[in-house]
Amino acid sequence: MLARLAHRGHDRLALAHLDHVLHINIFPKEMRDFEAMNTGCVEMMGTHRPARSVIGISELPKSGVRLTMNPTAAVKD
């Protein structure tokens, strides 16, 4: 499975396997969704367990969106 990871300040997108993800910042709108979010992360990442920060927020810019994520991955050129 491939994930598209945007690099801030760069026009290009890097393609990285999810195994290359080192850390994920997760911003759920409702902390009561933590268990469902955690289950989804386990299903998406398989046995790979990157570090995570989960920070509850009160609003997201798009209507109907329940969370946003910011992954950091290491890829070779």
N, C-alpha and C. Protein backbone atom coordinates (compact mmCIF):
# COMPACT_ATOMS: atom_id res chain seq x y z
N MET A 1 0.85 -1.17 0.00
CA MET A 1 0.00 0.00 0.00
C MET A 1 0.90 1.24 0.00
N LEU A 2 0.53 2.20 -0.80
CA LEU A 2 1.31 3.43 -0.88
C LEU A 2 0.54 4.59 -0.28
N ALA A 3 1.24 5.48 0.33
CA ALA A 3 0.62 6.71 0.86
C ALA A 3 1.31 7.89 0.20
N ARG A 4 0.53 8.90 -0.17
CA ARG A 4 1.11 10.13 -0.71
C ARG A 4 1.36 11.06 0.46
N LEU A 5 2.59 11.51 0.57
CA LEU A 5 2.97 12.36 1.69
C LEU A 5 3.46 13.69 1.14
N ALA A 6 2.77 14.75 1.46
CA ALA A 6 3.16 16.08 0.98
C ALA A 6 4.25 16.63 1.89
N HIS A 7 5.25 17.23 1.29
CA HIS A 7 6.33 17.86 2.04
C HIS A 7 6.08 19.36 2.07
N ARG A 8 5.92 19.92 3.23
CA ARG A 8 5.67 21.36 3.38
C ARG A 8 6.79 22.14 2.70
N GLY A 9 6.39 23.11 1.88
CA GLY A 9 7.35 23.96 1.21
C GLY A 9 7.88 23.39 -0.10
N HIS A 10 7.43 22.21 -0.48
CA HIS A 10 7.89 21.59 -1.73
C HIS A 10 6.69 21.34 -2.64
N ASP A 11 6.93 21.43 -3.94
CA ASP A 11 5.86 21.20 -4.90
C ASP A 11 5.64 19.73 -5.18
N ARG A 12 6.63 18.91 -4.90
CA ARG A 12 6.52 17.51 -5.27
C ARG A 12 5.91 16.67 -4.15
N LEU A 13 5.36 15.54 -4.55
CA LEU A 13 4.84 14.57 -3.59
C LEU A 13 5.78 13.38 -3.59
N ALA A 14 6.04 12.82 -2.44
CA ALA A 14 6.86 11.62 -2.34
C ALA A 14 5.95 10.43 -2.13
N LEU A 15 6.27 9.33 -2.75
CA LEU A 15 5.52 8.10 -2.52
C LEU A 15 6.30 7.25 -1.53
N ALA A 16 5.65 6.81 -0.50
CA ALA A 16 6.31 6.02 0.53
C ALA A 16 5.42 4.87 0.95
N HIS A 17 6.02 3.73 1.20
CA HIS A 17 5.28 2.63 1.78
C HIS A 17 4.92 3.02 3.21
N LEU A 18 3.79 2.55 3.68
CA LEU A 18 3.39 2.88 5.05
C LEU A 18 4.42 2.40 6.07
N ASP A 19 5.23 1.40 5.70
CA ASP A 19 6.30 0.94 6.60
C ASP A 19 7.35 2.02 6.84
N HIS A 20 7.40 3.04 6.00
CA HIS A 20 8.38 4.12 6.14
C HIS A 20 7.90 5.22 7.07
N VAL A 21 6.65 5.15 7.51
CA VAL A 21 6.10 6.18 8.40
C VAL A 21 6.76 6.04 9.77
N LEU A 22 7.32 7.15 10.25
CA LEU A 22 8.01 7.17 11.55
C LEU A 22 7.10 7.68 12.67
N HIS A 23 6.23 8.64 12.33
CA HIS A 23 5.39 9.29 13.33
C HIS A 23 4.12 9.81 12.66
N ILE A 24 3.00 9.77 13.38
CA ILE A 24 1.75 10.32 12.88
C ILE A 24 1.15 11.23 13.95
N ASN A 25 0.87 12.47 13.56
CA ASN A 25 0.07 13.37 14.40
C ASN A 25 -1.38 13.15 14.00
N ILE A 26 -2.23 12.84 14.95
CA ILE A 26 -3.65 12.59 14.67
C ILE A 26 -4.47 13.60 15.46
N PHE A 27 -5.39 14.25 14.76
CA PHE A 27 -6.22 15.29 15.36
C PHE A 27 -7.70 14.93 15.21
N PRO A 28 -8.26 14.19 16.19
CA PRO A 28 -9.68 13.85 16.12
C PRO A 28 -10.54 15.00 16.64
N LYS A 29 -11.70 15.13 16.04
CA LYS A 29 -12.65 16.16 16.49
C LYS A 29 -13.30 15.73 17.80
N GLU A 30 -13.48 14.45 17.99
CA GLU A 30 -14.09 13.90 19.20
C GLU A 30 -13.17 12.84 19.79
N MET A 31 -12.70 13.03 21.01
CA MET A 31 -11.83 12.04 21.64
C MET A 31 -12.58 10.74 21.92
N ARG A 32 -13.90 10.79 21.95
CA ARG A 32 -14.66 9.55 22.15
C ARG A 32 -14.51 8.61 20.95
N ASP A 33 -13.99 9.11 19.83
CA ASP A 33 -13.73 8.28 18.65
C ASP A 33 -12.37 7.60 18.71
N PHE A 34 -11.66 7.73 19.83
CA PHE A 34 -10.30 7.20 19.94
C PHE A 34 -10.22 5.72 19.63
N GLU A 35 -11.08 4.91 20.20
CA GLU A 35 -11.01 3.45 19.99
C GLU A 35 -11.21 3.09 18.53
N ALA A 36 -12.19 3.72 17.86
CA ALA A 36 -12.43 3.46 16.44
C ALA A 36 -11.24 3.92 15.61
N MET A 37 -10.66 5.08 15.95
CA MET A 37 -9.48 5.59 15.26
C MET A 37 -8.31 4.64 15.45
N ASN A 38 -8.13 4.15 16.66
CA ASN A 38 -7.04 3.24 16.96
C ASN A 38 -7.19 1.94 16.17
N THR A 39 -8.40 1.41 16.11
CA THR A 39 -8.67 0.20 15.34
C THR A 39 -8.36 0.42 13.86
N GLY A 40 -8.77 1.57 13.32
CA GLY A 40 -8.48 1.90 11.93
C GLY A 40 -6.99 2.00 11.66
N CYS A 41 -6.25 2.59 12.60
CA CYS A 41 -4.79 2.71 12.44
C CYS A 41 -4.13 1.33 12.42
N VAL A 42 -4.56 0.45 13.30
CA VAL A 42 -4.01 -0.91 13.36
C VAL A 42 -4.29 -1.63 12.04
N GLU A 43 -5.51 -1.51 11.53
CA GLU A 43 -5.86 -2.15 10.26
C GLU A 43 -5.03 -1.58 9.11
N MET A 44 -4.84 -0.26 9.08
CA MET A 44 -4.12 0.40 8.00
C MET A 44 -2.62 0.09 8.06
N MET A 45 -2.03 0.10 9.26
CA MET A 45 -0.58 -0.02 9.40
C MET A 45 -0.10 -1.46 9.53
N GLY A 46 -0.99 -2.40 9.76
CA GLY A 46 -0.56 -3.79 9.94
C GLY A 46 0.27 -3.95 11.20
N THR A 47 1.40 -4.63 11.09
CA THR A 47 2.25 -4.85 12.27
C THR A 47 3.18 -3.69 12.55
N HIS A 48 3.31 -2.77 11.60
CA HIS A 48 4.16 -1.59 11.79
C HIS A 48 3.50 -0.63 12.77
N ARG A 49 4.22 -0.18 13.78
CA ARG A 49 3.67 0.70 14.81
C ARG A 49 4.51 1.96 14.95
N PRO A 50 4.26 2.98 14.09
CA PRO A 50 5.00 4.24 14.24
C PRO A 50 4.56 4.97 15.50
N ALA A 51 5.38 5.88 15.96
CA ALA A 51 5.00 6.72 17.09
C ALA A 51 3.79 7.55 16.70
N ARG A 52 2.95 7.88 17.69
CA ARG A 52 1.76 8.68 17.41
C ARG A 52 1.57 9.72 18.48
N SER A 53 1.01 10.85 18.05
CA SER A 53 0.52 11.86 18.98
C SER A 53 -0.95 12.05 18.62
N VAL A 54 -1.81 12.01 19.64
CA VAL A 54 -3.24 12.21 19.41
C VAL A 54 -3.65 13.44 20.21
N ILE A 55 -4.12 14.45 19.47
CA ILE A 55 -4.48 15.73 20.10
C ILE A 55 -5.91 16.07 19.67
N GLY A 56 -6.83 16.10 20.63
CA GLY A 56 -8.22 16.44 20.33
C GLY A 56 -8.36 17.90 19.96
N ILE A 57 -9.17 18.17 18.94
CA ILE A 57 -9.42 19.54 18.50
C ILE A 57 -10.92 19.79 18.43
N SER A 58 -11.33 21.04 18.44
CA SER A 58 -12.76 21.35 18.46
C SER A 58 -13.36 21.54 17.07
N GLU A 59 -12.52 21.84 16.07
CA GLU A 59 -13.03 22.08 14.72
C GLU A 59 -12.06 21.59 13.67
N LEU A 60 -12.61 21.23 12.52
CA LEU A 60 -11.82 20.91 11.34
C LEU A 60 -12.36 21.74 10.18
N PRO A 61 -11.52 22.07 9.20
CA PRO A 61 -11.95 22.98 8.14
C PRO A 61 -13.02 22.44 7.19
N LYS A 62 -13.15 21.12 7.06
CA LYS A 62 -14.15 20.55 6.16
C LYS A 62 -15.32 19.99 6.95
N SER A 63 -16.51 20.30 6.52
CA SER A 63 -17.72 19.80 7.17
C SER A 63 -17.79 18.27 7.04
N GLY A 64 -18.14 17.60 8.12
CA GLY A 64 -18.30 16.16 8.11
C GLY A 64 -17.03 15.36 8.34
N VAL A 65 -15.89 16.01 8.36
CA VAL A 65 -14.61 15.33 8.59
C VAL A 65 -14.46 15.09 10.09
N ARG A 66 -14.10 13.87 10.48
CA ARG A 66 -14.00 13.51 11.90
C ARG A 66 -12.59 13.63 12.46
N LEU A 67 -11.57 13.54 11.58
CA LEU A 67 -10.18 13.68 12.04
C LEU A 67 -9.29 14.03 10.87
N THR A 68 -8.10 14.49 11.19
CA THR A 68 -7.07 14.71 10.19
C THR A 68 -5.77 14.12 10.73
N MET A 69 -4.90 13.70 9.82
CA MET A 69 -3.62 13.10 10.21
C MET A 69 -2.48 13.79 9.47
N ASN A 70 -1.33 13.79 10.11
CA ASN A 70 -0.12 14.37 9.53
C ASN A 70 0.99 13.34 9.72
N PRO A 71 1.23 12.47 8.71
CA PRO A 71 2.29 11.47 8.86
C PRO A 71 3.66 12.03 8.48
N THR A 72 4.70 11.51 9.12
CA THR A 72 6.08 11.82 8.77
C THR A 72 6.76 10.50 8.40
N ALA A 73 7.36 10.46 7.22
CA ALA A 73 8.01 9.24 6.75
C ALA A 73 9.41 9.54 6.27
N ALA A 74 10.25 8.53 6.28
CA ALA A 74 11.60 8.64 5.75
C ALA A 74 11.65 7.84 4.45
N VAL A 75 12.07 8.51 3.37
CA VAL A 75 12.21 7.83 2.08
C VAL A 75 13.58 8.14 1.49
N LYS A 76 14.07 7.25 0.67
CA LYS A 76 15.35 7.46 -0.01
C LYS A 76 15.08 8.17 -1.32
N ASP A 77 16.03 8.99 -1.74
CA ASP A 77 15.94 9.65 -3.05
C ASP A 77 16.17 8.67 -4.15
